[in-house]
Protein backbone atom coordinates (compact mmCIF):
# COMPACT_ATOMS: atom_id res chain seq x y z
CA MET A 1 9.87 -44.88 -3.90
CA ARG A 2 6.63 -43.34 -5.09
CA GLU A 3 5.88 -40.17 -3.19
CA GLY A 4 3.84 -40.99 -0.14
CA ALA A 5 4.59 -44.70 -0.07
CA THR A 6 5.92 -45.82 3.30
CA PRO A 7 8.11 -48.89 3.89
CA LEU A 8 6.68 -51.04 6.66
CA GLN A 9 9.25 -53.76 7.23
CA ALA A 10 12.52 -55.42 6.23
CA ARG A 11 13.40 -56.23 2.60
CA ARG A 12 11.53 -59.27 1.30
CA HIS A 13 12.00 -61.55 -1.69
CA GLY A 14 9.47 -62.88 -4.12
CA VAL A 15 8.62 -64.09 -7.66
CA VAL A 16 6.74 -62.07 -10.24
CA MET A 17 3.48 -63.81 -10.96
CA SER A 18 2.10 -61.51 -13.63
CA TRP A 19 3.03 -58.24 -15.30
CA ASP A 20 0.98 -55.85 -17.46
CA LYS A 21 2.37 -52.71 -19.10
CA THR A 22 2.44 -50.65 -15.86
CA HIS A 23 1.78 -53.01 -12.94
CA GLY A 24 1.93 -56.55 -11.73
CA PHE A 25 1.77 -58.99 -8.85
CA ILE A 26 4.55 -60.54 -6.76
CA ARG A 27 4.28 -63.77 -4.67
CA PRO A 28 6.43 -63.29 -1.53
CA LEU A 29 8.73 -66.28 -0.93
CA ASP A 30 8.12 -66.24 2.82
CA PHE A 31 4.33 -66.57 2.29
CA GLY A 32 3.66 -63.90 4.88
CA SER A 33 0.22 -62.40 5.42
CA GLN A 34 0.05 -61.28 1.76
CA LYS A 35 -0.37 -64.02 -0.80
CA PHE A 36 0.17 -61.61 -3.64
CA VAL A 37 1.31 -57.98 -3.59
CA PHE A 38 0.71 -55.26 -6.14
CA THR A 39 3.50 -53.11 -7.58
CA HIS A 40 3.59 -50.30 -10.09
CA ARG A 41 6.21 -49.51 -12.74
CA SER A 42 7.19 -46.39 -10.81
CA GLN A 43 8.54 -48.64 -8.03
CA LEU A 44 10.97 -50.57 -10.30
CA HIS A 45 14.73 -49.92 -10.00
CA GLY A 46 17.02 -50.72 -12.94
CA CYS A 47 14.25 -51.91 -15.34
CA ARG A 48 11.00 -50.80 -16.90
CA ALA A 49 9.09 -54.06 -16.76
CA LEU A 50 9.20 -57.50 -15.21
CA LYS A 51 8.67 -61.01 -16.63
CA PRO A 52 6.67 -63.69 -14.79
CA GLY A 53 9.04 -65.99 -12.96
CA THR A 54 11.60 -63.28 -12.27
CA ARG A 55 12.92 -63.20 -8.65
CA VAL A 56 12.81 -59.78 -7.03
CA ALA A 57 13.60 -58.01 -3.77
CA PHE A 58 11.21 -55.39 -2.38
CA TYR A 59 9.87 -53.67 0.69
CA MET A 60 6.22 -53.66 1.64
CA GLY A 61 4.61 -50.29 1.71
CA VAL A 62 1.23 -48.59 1.72
CA SER A 63 -0.20 -47.04 -1.41
CA PRO A 64 -0.75 -43.26 -1.00
CA ILE A 65 -3.63 -43.54 -3.41
CA ASN A 66 -5.80 -46.28 -1.87
CA GLY A 67 -4.09 -47.23 1.40
CA ARG A 68 -3.56 -50.85 0.31
CA PRO A 69 -0.33 -52.82 0.71
CA GLU A 70 2.05 -52.64 -2.24
CA ALA A 71 5.62 -53.62 -3.04
CA VAL A 72 8.00 -50.63 -3.20
CA ASN A 73 11.62 -50.23 -4.20
CA VAL A 74 11.44 -53.41 -6.33
CA SER A 75 14.70 -54.65 -7.82
CA VAL A 76 15.52 -57.83 -9.92
CA THR A 77 17.64 -60.41 -8.12
CA GLU A 78 17.46 -63.12 -10.77
CA GLU A 79 16.17 -62.82 -14.36
CA GLN A 80 13.77 -65.36 -15.78
CA HIS A 81 15.15 -66.60 -19.12
CA ASP A 82 12.84 -67.79 -21.91
C-alpha cells in the first residue's frame, strides 16, 4: 500500500477499463458510489501493469496526495487474454 493510503472498506472486485504506463481506471463490479476508481502502479501486487478487461480485487482508499478515492492493494484475479 502506498504510504499514507488508508483502506476504507472490505475487498472489492472490478474490471480494468483503461491502463497507461503508470496508472489506470477500474470499474467496480458492485457499481457502488464510484463508477470508476483510479489506481497507480505502486498499488499493484504481482504485476507491473494491467490490461483492459482484466478482473482485479482491490480495497478502496484515499490518496495521500490529493485526498481522492483510489484503489489500493490491487491484485489480478483473472487475466484478460488477447
